[in-house]
Amino acid sequence: MTQTMTGQLIAEEATIRVAPMKFDRSIGMALMVTVALETAAAIFWVGAAEARLADLERANSVNTEVSVRLARLEGETAIMRESLRRIEEAVHNED
């Protein structure tokens, strides 16, 4: 709204024109190349993550075998310790 010299308010008609959207073909090609590169990078990353996971699973299976062997050795050590205690007790009783 504007005011005239006499003080009257006059409403101005505002028109807004929006230009139709135009896309540059080079932007479209750049976008497609970017998406293709990001997809390739994601596939590469997933492959590397799968390889790391396979290595961890392999290491874990080795650790499991070692844990089983260690538990078995601990059991055998406890049995030997008990046998040694009985032998020592028998030697002390003979004296």
Foldseek 3Di string as FASTA:
>chain_A
DDADPVGDDDDDDDDDDDDDDDDDVVVVVVVVVVVVVVVVVVVVVVVVVVVVVVVVVVVVVVVVVVVVVVVVVVVVVVVVVVVVVVVVVVVVVVD
